């Protein structure tokens, strides 16, 4: 494992869970963010949304992802969930592992396999699903105690 990525400084906050969800603007990853918010509210936990721009994305796509991160933070605030996030220009498994380590992530929410296969970051989601250092929750799994 390399040192912490400069965009993801280590957090010193302890006492609650820390959930990571990957997002690329596709419907499957949008559902994963919704699932992660519900889970974070129930546990309780902080949520880190890692937005990943698809290969060859235009500047407007990156802007849209950044706008979505802001919207997720606002929604989280209304739900009583602390949401932080960052946007990457490319998907890299080692960077995701750095985020997991530097933020003390204790679980990752991924879209269900049907949704993940349609995502522009499908390869990263598949790799993470096969080799993740923390437990994975799939967005198709029910969130116990969460209101529908």
C-alpha atoms as a PDB file:
ATOM      1  CA  UNK A   1       0.000   0.000   0.000  1.00  0.00           C
ATOM      2  CA  UNK A   2       1.328   3.437  -0.906  1.00  0.00           C
ATOM      3  CA  UNK A   3       1.007   6.601   1.205  1.00  0.00           C
ATOM      4  CA  UNK A   4      -2.298   8.451   1.396  1.00  0.00           C
ATOM      5  CA  UNK A   5      -3.497   9.996  -1.847  1.00  0.00           C
ATOM      6  CA  UNK A   6      -3.271  13.814  -1.560  1.00  0.00           C
ATOM      7  CA  UNK A   7      -6.954  14.238  -2.492  1.00  0.00           C
ATOM      8  CA  UNK A   8      -8.011  11.939   0.361  1.00  0.00           C
ATOM      9  CA  UNK A   9      -6.373  13.146   3.583  1.00  0.00           C
ATOM     10  CA  UNK A  10      -6.743  10.782   6.517  1.00  0.00           C
ATOM     11  CA  UNK A  11      -9.580  11.551   8.890  1.00  0.00           C
ATOM     12  CA  UNK A  12      -9.022  11.405  12.626  1.00  0.00           C
ATOM     13  CA  UNK A  13     -12.712  11.032  13.510  1.00  0.00           C
ATOM     14  CA  UNK A  14     -13.694   7.814  15.256  1.00  0.00           C
ATOM     15  CA  UNK A  15     -16.786   6.435  16.957  1.00  0.00           C
ATOM     16  CA  UNK A  16     -19.101   5.757  14.037  1.00  0.00           C
ATOM     17  CA  UNK A  17     -18.963   3.572  10.957  1.00  0.00           C
ATOM     18  CA  UNK A  18     -17.493   4.734   7.685  1.00  0.00           C
ATOM     19  CA  UNK A  19     -19.095   3.677   4.400  1.00  0.00           C
ATOM     20  CA  UNK A  20     -17.663   4.097   0.908  1.00  0.00           C
ATOM     21  CA  UNK A  21     -19.775   4.078  -2.229  1.00  0.00           C
ATOM     22  CA  UNK A  22     -18.521   4.474  -5.801  1.00  0.00           C
ATOM     23  CA  UNK A  23     -20.553   6.644  -8.157  1.00  0.00           C
ATOM     24  CA  UNK A  24     -20.338   7.346 -11.889  1.00  0.00           C
ATOM     25  CA  UNK A  25     -23.728   8.884 -12.654  1.00  0.00           C
ATOM     26  CA  UNK A  26     -25.234   5.638 -13.945  1.00  0.00           C
ATOM     27  CA  UNK A  27     -28.593   4.447 -12.560  1.00  0.00           C
ATOM     28  CA  UNK A  28     -26.955   1.495 -10.789  1.00  0.00           C
ATOM     29  CA  UNK A  29     -24.460   3.624  -8.904  1.00  0.00           C
ATOM     30  CA  UNK A  30     -27.189   6.179  -8.157  1.00  0.00           C
ATOM     31  CA  UNK A  31     -29.138   3.363  -6.495  1.00  0.00           C
ATOM     32  CA  UNK A  32     -26.001   2.361  -4.585  1.00  0.00           C
ATOM     33  CA  UNK A  33     -25.694   5.913  -3.199  1.00  0.00           C
ATOM     34  CA  UNK A  34     -29.341   5.847  -2.100  1.00  0.00           C
ATOM     35  CA  UNK A  35     -28.746   2.479  -0.439  1.00  0.00           C
ATOM     36  CA  UNK A  36     -25.570   3.747   1.255  1.00  0.00           C
ATOM     37  CA  UNK A  37     -27.422   6.807   2.600  1.00  0.00           C
ATOM     38  CA  UNK A  38     -30.127   4.582   4.096  1.00  0.00           C
ATOM     39  CA  UNK A  39     -27.518   2.278   5.595  1.00  0.00           C
ATOM     40  CA  UNK A  40     -25.474   5.183   6.993  1.00  0.00           C
ATOM     41  CA  UNK A  41     -28.581   6.618   8.599  1.00  0.00           C
ATOM     42  CA  UNK A  42     -29.431   3.287  10.218  1.00  0.00           C
ATOM     43  CA  UNK A  43     -25.950   2.242  11.449  1.00  0.00           C
ATOM     44  CA  UNK A  44     -25.098   5.291  12.022  1.00  0.00           C
ATOM     45  CA  UNK A  45     -22.099   5.971   9.812  1.00  0.00           C
ATOM     46  CA  UNK A  46     -20.375   8.637   7.792  1.00  0.00           C
ATOM     47  CA  UNK A  47     -20.557   8.263   4.028  1.00  0.00           C
ATOM     48  CA  UNK A  48     -17.780   8.913   1.521  1.00  0.00           C
ATOM     49  CA  UNK A  49     -18.925   9.085  -2.108  1.00  0.00           C
ATOM     50  CA  UNK A  50     -16.119   8.506  -4.588  1.00  0.00           C
ATOM     51  CA  UNK A  51     -17.271   9.798  -7.964  1.00  0.00           C
ATOM     52  CA  UNK A  52     -15.326   8.314 -10.867  1.00  0.00           C
ATOM     53  CA  UNK A  53     -15.493   9.932 -14.290  1.00  0.00           C
ATOM     54  CA  UNK A  54     -15.712   7.327 -17.056  1.00  0.00           C
ATOM     55  CA  UNK A  55     -12.731   7.024 -19.407  1.00  0.00           C
ATOM     56  CA  UNK A  56     -12.889   9.779 -22.003  1.00  0.00           C
ATOM     57  CA  UNK A  57     -15.372  11.847 -19.982  1.00  0.00           C
ATOM     58  CA  UNK A  58     -15.903  15.441 -21.032  1.00  0.00           C
ATOM     59  CA  UNK A  59     -15.378  18.364 -18.648  1.00  0.00           C
ATOM     60  CA  UNK A  60     -19.166  18.712 -18.446  1.00  0.00           C
ATOM     61  CA  UNK A  61     -19.413  15.115 -17.195  1.00  0.00           C
ATOM     62  CA  UNK A  62     -16.917  15.868 -14.413  1.00  0.00           C
ATOM     63  CA  UNK A  63     -18.852  19.026 -13.545  1.00  0.00           C
ATOM     64  CA  UNK A  64     -22.054  17.008 -13.413  1.00  0.00           C
ATOM     65  CA  UNK A  65     -20.448  14.453 -11.082  1.00  0.00           C
ATOM     66  CA  UNK A  66     -19.216  17.260  -8.820  1.00  0.00           C
ATOM     67  CA  UNK A  67     -22.718  18.768  -8.768  1.00  0.00           C
ATOM     68  CA  UNK A  68     -24.089  15.347  -7.812  1.00  0.00           C
ATOM     69  CA  UNK A  69     -21.596  15.129  -4.916  1.00  0.00           C
ATOM     70  CA  UNK A  70     -22.871  18.473  -3.629  1.00  0.00           C
ATOM     71  CA  UNK A  71     -26.466  17.259  -3.927  1.00  0.00           C
ATOM     72  CA  UNK A  72     -25.601  14.049  -2.017  1.00  0.00           C
ATOM     73  CA  UNK A  73     -24.012  16.107   0.772  1.00  0.00           C
ATOM     74  CA  UNK A  74     -27.132  18.267   1.022  1.00  0.00           C
ATOM     75  CA  UNK A  75     -29.386  15.213   1.062  1.00  0.00           C
ATOM     76  CA  UNK A  76     -27.200  13.619   3.708  1.00  0.00           C
ATOM     77  CA  UNK A  77     -27.459  16.727   5.872  1.00  0.00           C
ATOM     78  CA  UNK A  78     -31.273  16.566   5.659  1.00  0.00           C
ATOM     79  CA  UNK A  79     -31.131  12.889   6.643  1.00  0.00           C
ATOM     80  CA  UNK A  80     -28.660  13.455   9.476  1.00  0.00           C
ATOM     81  CA  UNK A  81     -25.809  11.683   7.657  1.00  0.00           C
ATOM     82  CA  UNK A  82     -22.384  13.237   7.242  1.00  0.00           C
ATOM     83  CA  UNK A  83     -21.456  12.924   3.550  1.00  0.00           C
ATOM     84  CA  UNK A  84     -18.055  13.719   2.096  1.00  0.00           C
ATOM     85  CA  UNK A  85     -16.769  12.972  -1.364  1.00  0.00           C
ATOM     86  CA  UNK A  86     -14.275  13.459  -4.120  1.00  0.00           C
ATOM     87  CA  UNK A  87     -14.182  13.084  -7.886  1.00  0.00           C
ATOM     88  CA  UNK A  88     -11.543  11.116  -9.792  1.00  0.00           C
ATOM     89  CA  UNK A  89     -10.700  11.376 -13.469  1.00  0.00           C
ATOM     90  CA  UNK A  90     -10.087   7.654 -13.788  1.00  0.00           C
ATOM     91  CA  UNK A  91     -10.893   4.459 -11.978  1.00  0.00           C
ATOM     92  CA  UNK A  92      -7.971   2.830 -10.193  1.00  0.00           C
ATOM     93  CA  UNK A  93      -8.245  -0.039  -7.729  1.00  0.00           C
ATOM     94  CA  UNK A  94      -5.172   1.099  -5.747  1.00  0.00           C
ATOM     95  CA  UNK A  95      -6.662   4.577  -5.252  1.00  0.00           C
ATOM     96  CA  UNK A  96      -9.887   3.029  -3.926  1.00  0.00           C
ATOM     97  CA  UNK A  97      -7.784   0.983  -1.493  1.00  0.00           C
ATOM     98  CA  UNK A  98      -6.041   4.199  -0.377  1.00  0.00           C
ATOM     99  CA  UNK A  99      -9.428   5.817   0.271  1.00  0.00           C
ATOM    100  CA  UNK A 100     -10.518   2.760   2.276  1.00  0.00           C
ATOM    101  CA  UNK A 101      -7.366   2.912   4.402  1.00  0.00           C
ATOM    102  CA  UNK A 102      -7.153   6.695   4.879  1.00  0.00           C
ATOM    103  CA  UNK A 103     -10.821   7.136   5.797  1.00  0.00           C
ATOM    104  CA  UNK A 104     -11.123   4.101   8.035  1.00  0.00           C
ATOM    105  CA  UNK A 105     -13.804   2.637   5.774  1.00  0.00           C
ATOM    106  CA  UNK A 106     -15.407  -0.431   7.326  1.00  0.00           C
ATOM    107  CA  UNK A 107     -17.763  -1.367   4.484  1.00  0.00           C
ATOM    108  CA  UNK A 108     -18.282  -0.602   0.801  1.00  0.00           C
ATOM    109  CA  UNK A 109     -21.640  -0.355  -0.958  1.00  0.00           C
ATOM    110  CA  UNK A 110     -21.643  -1.520  -4.581  1.00  0.00           C
ATOM    111  CA  UNK A 111     -24.514  -1.731  -7.060  1.00  0.00           C
ATOM    112  CA  UNK A 112     -26.064  -5.154  -7.598  1.00  0.00           C
ATOM    113  CA  UNK A 113     -24.385  -7.254 -10.276  1.00  0.00           C
ATOM    114  CA  UNK A 114     -26.990  -6.477 -12.967  1.00  0.00           C
ATOM    115  CA  UNK A 115     -26.589  -2.738 -12.460  1.00  0.00           C
ATOM    116  CA  UNK A 116     -22.811  -2.910 -12.060  1.00  0.00           C
ATOM    117  CA  UNK A 117     -22.351  -4.619 -15.416  1.00  0.00           C
ATOM    118  CA  UNK A 118     -24.004  -1.627 -17.125  1.00  0.00           C
ATOM    119  CA  UNK A 119     -21.842   0.942 -15.340  1.00  0.00           C
ATOM    120  CA  UNK A 120     -19.041   2.801 -17.145  1.00  0.00           C
ATOM    121  CA  UNK A 121     -16.786   1.766 -14.250  1.00  0.00           C
ATOM    122  CA  UNK A 122     -17.891  -1.895 -14.409  1.00  0.00           C
ATOM    123  CA  UNK A 123     -14.314  -3.230 -14.438  1.00  0.00           C
ATOM    124  CA  UNK A 124     -13.443  -1.364 -11.238  1.00  0.00           C
ATOM    125  CA  UNK A 125     -16.666  -2.487  -9.553  1.00  0.00           C
ATOM    126  CA  UNK A 126     -16.010  -6.103 -10.559  1.00  0.00           C
ATOM    127  CA  UNK A 127     -12.379  -5.964  -9.328  1.00  0.00           C
ATOM    128  CA  UNK A 128     -13.423  -4.388  -6.050  1.00  0.00           C
ATOM    129  CA  UNK A 129     -16.166  -6.979  -5.621  1.00  0.00           C
ATOM    130  CA  UNK A 130     -13.593  -9.747  -5.974  1.00  0.00           C
ATOM    131  CA  UNK A 131     -10.788  -8.210  -3.932  1.00  0.00           C
ATOM    132  CA  UNK A 132     -11.990  -5.771  -1.300  1.00  0.00           C
ATOM    133  CA  UNK A 133     -10.233  -5.400   2.060  1.00  0.00           C
ATOM    134  CA  UNK A 134     -13.534  -4.672   3.884  1.00  0.00           C
ATOM    135  CA  UNK A 135     -17.034  -6.191   3.741  1.00  0.00           C
ATOM    136  CA  UNK A 136     -19.203  -5.359   0.732  1.00  0.00           C
ATOM    137  CA  UNK A 137     -22.902  -4.567   0.825  1.00  0.00           C
ATOM    138  CA  UNK A 138     -24.733  -4.739  -2.498  1.00  0.00           C
ATOM    139  CA  UNK A 139     -27.434  -2.163  -3.149  1.00  0.00           C
ATOM    140  CA  UNK A 140     -29.858  -4.980  -3.925  1.00  0.00           C
ATOM    141  CA  UNK A 141     -29.511  -6.189  -0.293  1.00  0.00           C
ATOM    142  CA  UNK A 142     -32.228  -4.946   2.080  1.00  0.00           C
ATOM    143  CA  UNK A 143     -31.317  -2.328   4.674  1.00  0.00           C
ATOM    144  CA  UNK A 144     -32.745  -3.696   7.907  1.00  0.00           C
ATOM    145  CA  UNK A 145     -34.870  -1.189   9.769  1.00  0.00           C
ATOM    146  CA  UNK A 146     -34.832   1.339   6.933  1.00  0.00           C
ATOM    147  CA  UNK A 147     -38.122   2.897   5.942  1.00  0.00           C
ATOM    148  CA  UNK A 148     -39.096   2.340   2.328  1.00  0.00           C
END
